[in-house]
Structure formats: C-alpha cells, structure tokens
Amino acid sequence: MTLKKFRMQAFGLAVVAFGAAVALHGNEAEASASQCGKASWYKMGHTTASGEKMNASALAGAHRTLPFGTKVRVDNLKNGRSVVVRINDRGPFVRGRGIDVTQGAAKKLGMIRSGVASVKVTVVGGKGKGKLAGC
C-alpha cells in the first residue's frame, strides 16, 4: 500500500469517526432536553429576576438554571394538558420542585386547585441553551 492510499484511508476513517461522534452527541442532547418533577404556581412579586414586570396572567415560568427567554413545554402528567412558557424568573425555592409557573399557565395546566402537579418540562425552539437532567 502506498503512503498516499494509506493517508486517504486514514482520513476517511477520521471523517466517519467524527460524524459518529457528532451524531451521538446530538442524541445525548435530545435525551437530556426534558426534566420530570413537580411544578407549582405563583402570582406574587412586582419584578421578575430578569427585570420584567410580573404578570400573573402571562404564560411564563421560573427555573433555577435555564437562561431567561428559554421556552419550555410543561406537560401535566396527570391530566395530559400542556402549555409553553417562557422562562423569565428564578426559582422555585421549595425543595423537590423543578419549575414554578404563573397563574395563567397553571390555569391552562389545570393545576390551580391542587397547587402542585407532576410535570415533564421540555425545552422547545432554539433560543435556550440550557440542559435539563432528563426524566
């Protein structure tokens, strides 16, 4: 085998390996794009952590780590209802909870009376760069 053929084969294998690594990383990102846990709702406060005026009827939420502006779909695991909210605040600050949603989002999720619901949170769209722990 000539040196030129060897280099071409080695280059081809490197390209295939790189492609496989990229594909695996993409699948890993998709797998970690959801988080299951408890959600609660809130309507107090004058200003959110992002500096916006609090609007209890808006479809917004609070998350500890996701960047402000990230849109997430919140699925109520008990009744199947879902809503897309935009992260504009920090929280929740109660142990065992993964997201707080506004009163408006809680109405759409059907969790006003219970106050707390088991949910799945999934990042949607391309703006959010945060990762979630998975379900």
N, C-alpha and C. Protein backbone atom coordinates (compact mmCIF):
# COMPACT_ATOMS: atom_id res chain seq x y z
N MET A 1 0.86 -1.18 0.00
CA MET A 1 0.00 0.00 0.00
C MET A 1 0.90 1.23 0.00
N THR A 2 0.57 2.17 -0.82
CA THR A 2 1.37 3.38 -0.90
C THR A 2 1.00 4.32 0.24
N LEU A 3 1.88 5.23 0.52
CA LEU A 3 1.65 6.21 1.58
C LEU A 3 0.43 7.07 1.27
N LYS A 4 0.23 7.40 0.01
CA LYS A 4 -0.91 8.23 -0.39
C LYS A 4 -2.23 7.50 -0.12
N LYS A 5 -2.33 6.21 -0.47
CA LYS A 5 -3.54 5.42 -0.21
C LYS A 5 -3.80 5.30 1.29
N PHE A 6 -2.71 5.07 2.03
CA PHE A 6 -2.84 4.95 3.48
C PHE A 6 -3.41 6.23 4.10
N ARG A 7 -2.89 7.36 3.67
CA ARG A 7 -3.37 8.65 4.18
C ARG A 7 -4.85 8.88 3.83
N MET A 8 -5.23 8.51 2.62
CA MET A 8 -6.62 8.67 2.19
C MET A 8 -7.56 7.80 3.04
N GLN A 9 -7.15 6.55 3.30
CA GLN A 9 -7.96 5.66 4.12
C GLN A 9 -8.05 6.19 5.55
N ALA A 10 -6.94 6.65 6.09
CA ALA A 10 -6.92 7.18 7.45
C ALA A 10 -7.82 8.42 7.54
N PHE A 11 -7.75 9.28 6.54
CA PHE A 11 -8.61 10.46 6.51
C PHE A 11 -10.08 10.05 6.45
N GLY A 12 -10.42 9.08 5.63
CA GLY A 12 -11.79 8.59 5.51
C GLY A 12 -12.30 8.05 6.84
N LEU A 13 -11.48 7.27 7.53
CA LEU A 13 -11.88 6.75 8.84
C LEU A 13 -12.07 7.87 9.86
N ALA A 14 -11.22 8.87 9.80
CA ALA A 14 -11.35 10.00 10.72
C ALA A 14 -12.66 10.75 10.49
N VAL A 15 -13.02 10.94 9.22
CA VAL A 15 -14.27 11.62 8.89
C VAL A 15 -15.46 10.82 9.40
N VAL A 16 -15.44 9.50 9.22
CA VAL A 16 -16.53 8.65 9.69
C VAL A 16 -16.62 8.71 11.22
N ALA A 17 -15.49 8.63 11.90
CA ALA A 17 -15.48 8.68 13.37
C ALA A 17 -16.01 10.03 13.86
N PHE A 18 -15.60 11.10 13.22
CA PHE A 18 -16.08 12.42 13.61
C PHE A 18 -17.60 12.51 13.43
N GLY A 19 -18.10 12.02 12.30
CA GLY A 19 -19.54 12.03 12.05
C GLY A 19 -20.30 11.24 13.10
N ALA A 20 -19.78 10.09 13.48
CA ALA A 20 -20.43 9.27 14.50
C ALA A 20 -20.43 9.99 15.85
N ALA A 21 -19.34 10.64 16.19
CA ALA A 21 -19.26 11.38 17.45
C ALA A 21 -20.27 12.51 17.49
N VAL A 22 -20.41 13.23 16.38
CA VAL A 22 -21.38 14.32 16.30
C VAL A 22 -22.80 13.77 16.44
N ALA A 23 -23.09 12.67 15.78
CA ALA A 23 -24.43 12.07 15.86
C ALA A 23 -24.74 11.62 17.28
N LEU A 24 -23.78 11.01 17.95
CA LEU A 24 -24.01 10.57 19.32
C LEU A 24 -24.21 11.75 20.25
N HIS A 25 -23.44 12.80 20.08
CA HIS A 25 -23.60 13.99 20.91
C HIS A 25 -24.97 14.61 20.70
N GLY A 26 -25.45 14.64 19.47
CA GLY A 26 -26.77 15.18 19.17
C GLY A 26 -27.86 14.37 19.86
N ASN A 27 -27.76 13.04 19.85
CA ASN A 27 -28.74 12.20 20.53
C ASN A 27 -28.70 12.41 22.02
N GLU A 28 -27.52 12.62 22.57
CA GLU A 28 -27.38 12.87 24.01
C GLU A 28 -28.08 14.17 24.38
N ALA A 29 -27.93 15.20 23.55
CA ALA A 29 -28.57 16.48 23.82
C ALA A 29 -30.08 16.35 23.78
N GLU A 30 -30.58 15.56 22.81
CA GLU A 30 -32.02 15.37 22.73
C GLU A 30 -32.53 14.63 23.95
N ALA A 31 -31.76 13.63 24.41
CA ALA A 31 -32.20 12.83 25.55
C ALA A 31 -32.24 13.66 26.83
N SER A 32 -31.38 14.68 26.94
CA SER A 32 -31.33 15.46 28.16
C SER A 32 -32.14 16.75 28.05
N ALA A 33 -33.02 16.84 27.05
CA ALA A 33 -33.79 18.06 26.84
C ALA A 33 -35.09 18.08 27.64
N SER A 34 -35.35 17.06 28.45
CA SER A 34 -36.56 17.02 29.27
C SER A 34 -36.21 16.76 30.72
N GLN A 35 -37.11 17.19 31.59
CA GLN A 35 -36.92 17.00 33.03
C GLN A 35 -38.29 16.73 33.63
N CYS A 36 -38.37 15.73 34.48
CA CYS A 36 -39.63 15.43 35.16
C CYS A 36 -39.52 15.83 36.62
N GLY A 37 -40.62 16.30 37.17
CA GLY A 37 -40.62 16.72 38.57
C GLY A 37 -41.94 17.36 38.94
N LYS A 38 -41.91 18.18 39.96
CA LYS A 38 -43.10 18.86 40.46
C LYS A 38 -43.09 20.32 40.01
N ALA A 39 -44.28 20.82 39.70
CA ALA A 39 -44.46 22.23 39.36
C ALA A 39 -45.42 22.84 40.36
N SER A 40 -45.22 24.10 40.65
CA SER A 40 -46.16 24.86 41.47
C SER A 40 -46.42 26.17 40.73
N TRP A 41 -47.39 26.94 41.22
CA TRP A 41 -47.69 28.20 40.55
C TRP A 41 -47.62 29.36 41.53
N TYR A 42 -47.43 30.54 40.97
CA TYR A 42 -47.30 31.74 41.80
C TYR A 42 -47.83 32.96 41.06
N LYS A 43 -48.13 34.02 41.81
CA LYS A 43 -48.59 35.27 41.20
C LYS A 43 -48.15 36.49 42.00
N MET A 44 -47.18 36.32 42.88
CA MET A 44 -46.77 37.45 43.71
C MET A 44 -45.50 38.11 43.18
N GLY A 45 -45.16 39.22 43.75
CA GLY A 45 -43.96 39.93 43.36
C GLY A 45 -44.25 41.01 42.34
N HIS A 46 -43.39 42.00 42.30
CA HIS A 46 -43.56 43.11 41.38
C HIS A 46 -42.66 43.00 40.16
N THR A 47 -41.46 42.44 40.36
CA THR A 47 -40.48 42.34 39.29
C THR A 47 -39.88 40.94 39.29
N THR A 48 -39.68 40.38 38.09
CA THR A 48 -39.05 39.07 37.99
C THR A 48 -37.53 39.21 38.06
N ALA A 49 -36.84 38.10 38.18
CA ALA A 49 -35.38 38.13 38.25
C ALA A 49 -34.76 38.65 36.96
N SER A 50 -35.50 38.57 35.85
CA SER A 50 -34.98 39.08 34.57
C SER A 50 -35.20 40.59 34.44
N GLY A 51 -35.90 41.18 35.40
CA GLY A 51 -36.16 42.62 35.36
C GLY A 51 -37.51 42.99 34.79
N GLU A 52 -38.28 42.00 34.32
CA GLU A 52 -39.60 42.27 33.76
C GLU A 52 -40.62 42.48 34.88
N LYS A 53 -41.66 43.23 34.56
CA LYS A 53 -42.76 43.39 35.49
C LYS A 53 -43.51 42.06 35.58
N MET A 54 -43.85 41.64 36.78
CA MET A 54 -44.58 40.38 36.97
C MET A 54 -45.99 40.50 36.41
N ASN A 55 -46.39 39.53 35.59
CA ASN A 55 -47.72 39.48 35.01
C ASN A 55 -48.27 38.09 35.28
N ALA A 56 -49.19 37.98 36.25
CA ALA A 56 -49.70 36.68 36.68
C ALA A 56 -50.46 35.96 35.58
N SER A 57 -51.01 36.67 34.61
CA SER A 57 -51.77 36.01 33.55
C SER A 57 -50.91 35.61 32.35
N ALA A 58 -49.65 36.04 32.33
CA ALA A 58 -48.74 35.68 31.24
C ALA A 58 -48.39 34.20 31.31
N LEU A 59 -47.97 33.65 30.18
CA LEU A 59 -47.50 32.26 30.16
C LEU A 59 -45.99 32.29 30.35
N ALA A 60 -45.60 32.32 31.62
CA ALA A 60 -44.19 32.45 31.98
C ALA A 60 -43.88 31.51 33.13
N GLY A 61 -42.58 31.37 33.40
CA GLY A 61 -42.18 30.47 34.47
C GLY A 61 -40.85 30.83 35.07
N ALA A 62 -40.56 30.15 36.17
CA ALA A 62 -39.30 30.33 36.89
C ALA A 62 -38.57 28.99 36.92
N HIS A 63 -37.28 29.02 36.58
CA HIS A 63 -36.44 27.83 36.62
C HIS A 63 -35.10 28.23 37.21
N ARG A 64 -34.47 27.31 37.92
CA ARG A 64 -33.21 27.64 38.59
C ARG A 64 -32.05 27.89 37.64
N THR A 65 -31.98 27.16 36.52
CA THR A 65 -30.77 27.21 35.69
C THR A 65 -30.97 27.60 34.24
N LEU A 66 -32.16 27.42 33.69
CA LEU A 66 -32.34 27.73 32.26
C LEU A 66 -32.19 29.23 32.01
N PRO A 67 -31.59 29.61 30.90
CA PRO A 67 -31.41 31.04 30.59
C PRO A 67 -32.76 31.74 30.42
N PHE A 68 -32.80 33.02 30.79
CA PHE A 68 -34.00 33.81 30.57
C PHE A 68 -34.31 33.83 29.07
N GLY A 69 -35.60 33.73 28.74
CA GLY A 69 -36.02 33.71 27.35
C GLY A 69 -36.21 32.31 26.79
N THR A 70 -35.71 31.31 27.49
CA THR A 70 -35.88 29.93 27.03
C THR A 70 -37.36 29.56 27.09
N LYS A 71 -37.85 28.94 26.03
CA LYS A 71 -39.23 28.47 26.02
C LYS A 71 -39.24 26.98 26.33
N VAL A 72 -40.15 26.59 27.22
CA VAL A 72 -40.29 25.20 27.60
C VAL A 72 -41.75 24.79 27.52
N ARG A 73 -41.98 23.55 27.13
CA ARG A 73 -43.33 22.98 27.17
C ARG A 73 -43.46 22.25 28.50
N VAL A 74 -44.51 22.57 29.23
CA VAL A 74 -44.78 21.92 30.51
C VAL A 74 -45.99 21.02 30.30
N ASP A 75 -45.80 19.72 30.52
CA ASP A 75 -46.88 18.74 30.36
C ASP A 75 -47.31 18.26 31.74
N ASN A 76 -48.61 18.41 32.05
CA ASN A 76 -49.17 17.89 33.28
C ASN A 76 -49.34 16.38 33.08
N LEU A 77 -48.61 15.59 33.84
CA LEU A 77 -48.60 14.15 33.63
C LEU A 77 -49.89 13.48 34.09
N LYS A 78 -50.66 14.16 34.93
CA LYS A 78 -51.90 13.56 35.43
C LYS A 78 -53.07 13.73 34.46
N ASN A 79 -53.20 14.92 33.86
CA ASN A 79 -54.38 15.16 33.01
C ASN A 79 -54.05 15.34 31.52
N GLY A 80 -52.77 15.33 31.16
CA GLY A 80 -52.38 15.43 29.76
C GLY A 80 -52.36 16.83 29.18
N ARG A 81 -52.73 17.84 29.95
CA ARG A 81 -52.70 19.22 29.44
C ARG A 81 -51.26 19.72 29.37
N SER A 82 -51.05 20.66 28.43
CA SER A 82 -49.70 21.23 28.31
C SER A 82 -49.78 22.70 27.94
N VAL A 83 -48.69 23.40 28.19
CA VAL A 83 -48.58 24.82 27.88
C VAL A 83 -47.11 25.14 27.63
N VAL A 84 -46.85 26.10 26.74
CA VAL A 84 -45.48 26.57 26.52
C VAL A 84 -45.31 27.87 27.30
N VAL A 85 -44.28 27.92 28.13
CA VAL A 85 -43.99 29.12 28.92
C VAL A 85 -42.59 29.60 28.60
N ARG A 86 -42.37 30.88 28.84
CA ARG A 86 -41.05 31.50 28.65
C ARG A 86 -40.43 31.73 30.03
N ILE A 87 -39.21 31.28 30.20
CA ILE A 87 -38.52 31.45 31.49
C ILE A 87 -38.10 32.91 31.63
N ASN A 88 -38.62 33.57 32.68
CA ASN A 88 -38.26 34.96 32.94
C ASN A 88 -37.98 35.23 34.41
N ASP A 89 -37.89 34.16 35.20
CA ASP A 89 -37.69 34.32 36.65
C ASP A 89 -36.86 33.16 37.17
N ARG A 90 -36.39 33.29 38.40
CA ARG A 90 -35.62 32.24 39.06
C ARG A 90 -36.47 31.59 40.14
N GLY A 91 -36.24 30.34 40.36
CA GLY A 91 -36.98 29.56 41.34
C GLY A 91 -37.23 28.20 40.72
N PRO A 92 -37.99 27.36 41.31
CA PRO A 92 -38.63 27.51 42.62
C PRO A 92 -37.62 27.33 43.75
N PHE A 93 -38.00 27.83 44.90
CA PHE A 93 -37.12 27.76 46.05
C PHE A 93 -37.65 26.80 47.11
N VAL A 94 -38.50 25.88 46.68
CA VAL A 94 -39.02 24.84 47.56
C VAL A 94 -38.40 23.52 47.11
N ARG A 95 -37.83 22.80 48.03
CA ARG A 95 -37.16 21.54 47.72
C ARG A 95 -38.13 20.57 47.02
N GLY A 96 -37.63 19.91 45.99
CA GLY A 96 -38.43 18.92 45.28
C GLY A 96 -39.23 19.46 44.11
N ARG A 97 -39.17 20.74 43.88
CA ARG A 97 -39.90 21.33 42.76
C ARG A 97 -38.92 21.72 41.66
N GLY A 98 -39.36 21.53 40.40
CA GLY A 98 -38.48 21.81 39.27
C GLY A 98 -38.79 23.08 38.53
N ILE A 99 -40.05 23.54 38.60
CA ILE A 99 -40.43 24.75 37.89
C ILE A 99 -41.61 25.40 38.60
N ASP A 100 -41.65 26.71 38.58
CA ASP A 100 -42.82 27.48 39.01
C ASP A 100 -43.41 28.08 37.75
N VAL A 101 -44.73 28.07 37.64
CA VAL A 101 -45.39 28.70 36.51
C VAL A 101 -46.33 29.79 37.03
N THR A 102 -46.65 30.73 36.18
CA THR A 102 -47.57 31.79 36.56
C THR A 102 -48.98 31.23 36.71
N GLN A 103 -49.84 32.03 37.31
CA GLN A 103 -51.24 31.62 37.49
C GLN A 103 -51.90 31.33 36.14
N GLY A 104 -51.59 32.14 35.14
CA GLY A 104 -52.16 31.94 33.81
C GLY A 104 -51.78 30.59 33.22
N ALA A 105 -50.51 30.20 33.38
CA ALA A 105 -50.05 28.90 32.89
C ALA A 105 -50.67 27.77 33.71
N ALA A 106 -50.80 27.99 35.01
CA ALA A 106 -51.40 26.97 35.88
C ALA A 106 -52.84 26.68 35.50
N LYS A 107 -53.58 27.72 35.09
CA LYS A 107 -54.96 27.52 34.64
C LYS A 107 -54.99 26.61 33.42
N LYS A 108 -54.09 26.87 32.46
CA LYS A 108 -54.04 26.04 31.25
C LYS A 108 -53.65 24.60 31.58
N LEU A 109 -52.83 24.42 32.60
CA LEU A 109 -52.40 23.08 33.00
C LEU A 109 -53.43 22.37 33.89
N GLY A 110 -54.43 23.11 34.36
CA GLY A 110 -55.45 22.51 35.22
C GLY A 110 -54.94 22.18 36.60
N MET A 111 -54.09 23.06 37.15
CA MET A 111 -53.50 22.78 38.47
C MET A 111 -53.73 23.89 39.49
N ILE A 112 -54.73 24.74 39.27
CA ILE A 112 -54.99 25.83 40.21
C ILE A 112 -55.39 25.29 41.58
N ARG A 113 -56.35 24.38 41.61
CA ARG A 113 -56.84 23.87 42.89
C ARG A 113 -55.79 23.07 43.64
N SER A 114 -55.07 22.21 42.93
CA SER A 114 -54.08 21.35 43.60
C SER A 114 -52.85 22.14 44.02
N GLY A 115 -52.50 23.18 43.26
CA GLY A 115 -51.34 24.00 43.60
C GLY A 115 -50.02 23.41 43.14
N VAL A 116 -49.95 22.09 43.08
CA VAL A 116 -48.73 21.38 42.68
C VAL A 116 -49.14 20.25 41.73
N ALA A 117 -48.31 19.99 40.72
CA ALA A 117 -48.60 18.91 39.78
C ALA A 117 -47.30 18.24 39.35
N SER A 118 -47.40 16.97 39.01
CA SER A 118 -46.28 16.24 38.42
C SER A 118 -46.23 16.62 36.95
N VAL A 119 -45.05 17.07 36.49
CA VAL A 119 -44.92 17.57 35.13
C VAL A 119 -43.66 17.05 34.45
N LYS A 120 -43.68 17.20 33.13
CA LYS A 120 -42.49 16.99 32.30
C LYS A 120 -42.20 18.33 31.65
N VAL A 121 -40.97 18.80 31.77
CA VAL A 121 -40.55 20.08 31.21
C VAL A 121 -39.59 19.79 30.05
N THR A 122 -39.90 20.33 28.87
CA THR A 122 -39.09 20.09 27.68
C THR A 122 -38.74 21.41 27.02
N VAL A 123 -37.45 21.63 26.76
CA VAL A 123 -37.02 22.84 26.06
C VAL A 123 -37.50 22.76 24.62
N VAL A 124 -38.11 23.86 24.14
CA VAL A 124 -38.58 23.93 22.76
C VAL A 124 -37.91 25.10 22.06
N GLY A 125 -37.82 25.03 20.74
CA GLY A 125 -37.20 26.13 20.00
C GLY A 125 -35.70 26.12 20.14
N GLY A 126 -35.06 27.11 19.54
CA GLY A 126 -33.61 27.14 19.51
C GLY A 126 -32.95 28.13 20.42
N LYS A 127 -33.72 29.00 21.11
CA LYS A 127 -33.09 30.05 21.89
C LYS A 127 -32.39 29.53 23.14
N GLY A 128 -33.03 28.61 23.84
CA GLY A 128 -32.47 28.12 25.11
C GLY A 128 -31.27 27.24 24.91
N LYS A 129 -30.22 27.50 25.65
CA LYS A 129 -29.02 26.69 25.57
C LYS A 129 -28.85 25.84 26.82
N GLY A 130 -29.80 25.93 27.75
CA GLY A 130 -29.68 25.19 28.99
C GLY A 130 -29.97 23.72 28.81
N LYS A 131 -29.43 22.93 29.73
CA LYS A 131 -29.68 21.50 29.71
C LYS A 131 -30.54 21.13 30.89
N LEU A 132 -31.33 20.09 30.69
CA LEU A 132 -32.18 19.56 31.74
C LEU A 132 -31.71 18.16 32.09
N ALA A 133 -32.03 17.74 33.30
CA ALA A 133 -31.49 16.49 33.84
C ALA A 133 -32.03 15.24 33.19
N GLY A 134 -33.17 15.29 32.57
CA GLY A 134 -33.78 14.10 31.98
C GLY A 134 -34.91 13.57 32.85
N CYS A 135 -35.66 12.61 32.32
CA CYS A 135 -36.78 12.01 33.05
C CYS A 135 -36.47 10.59 33.42
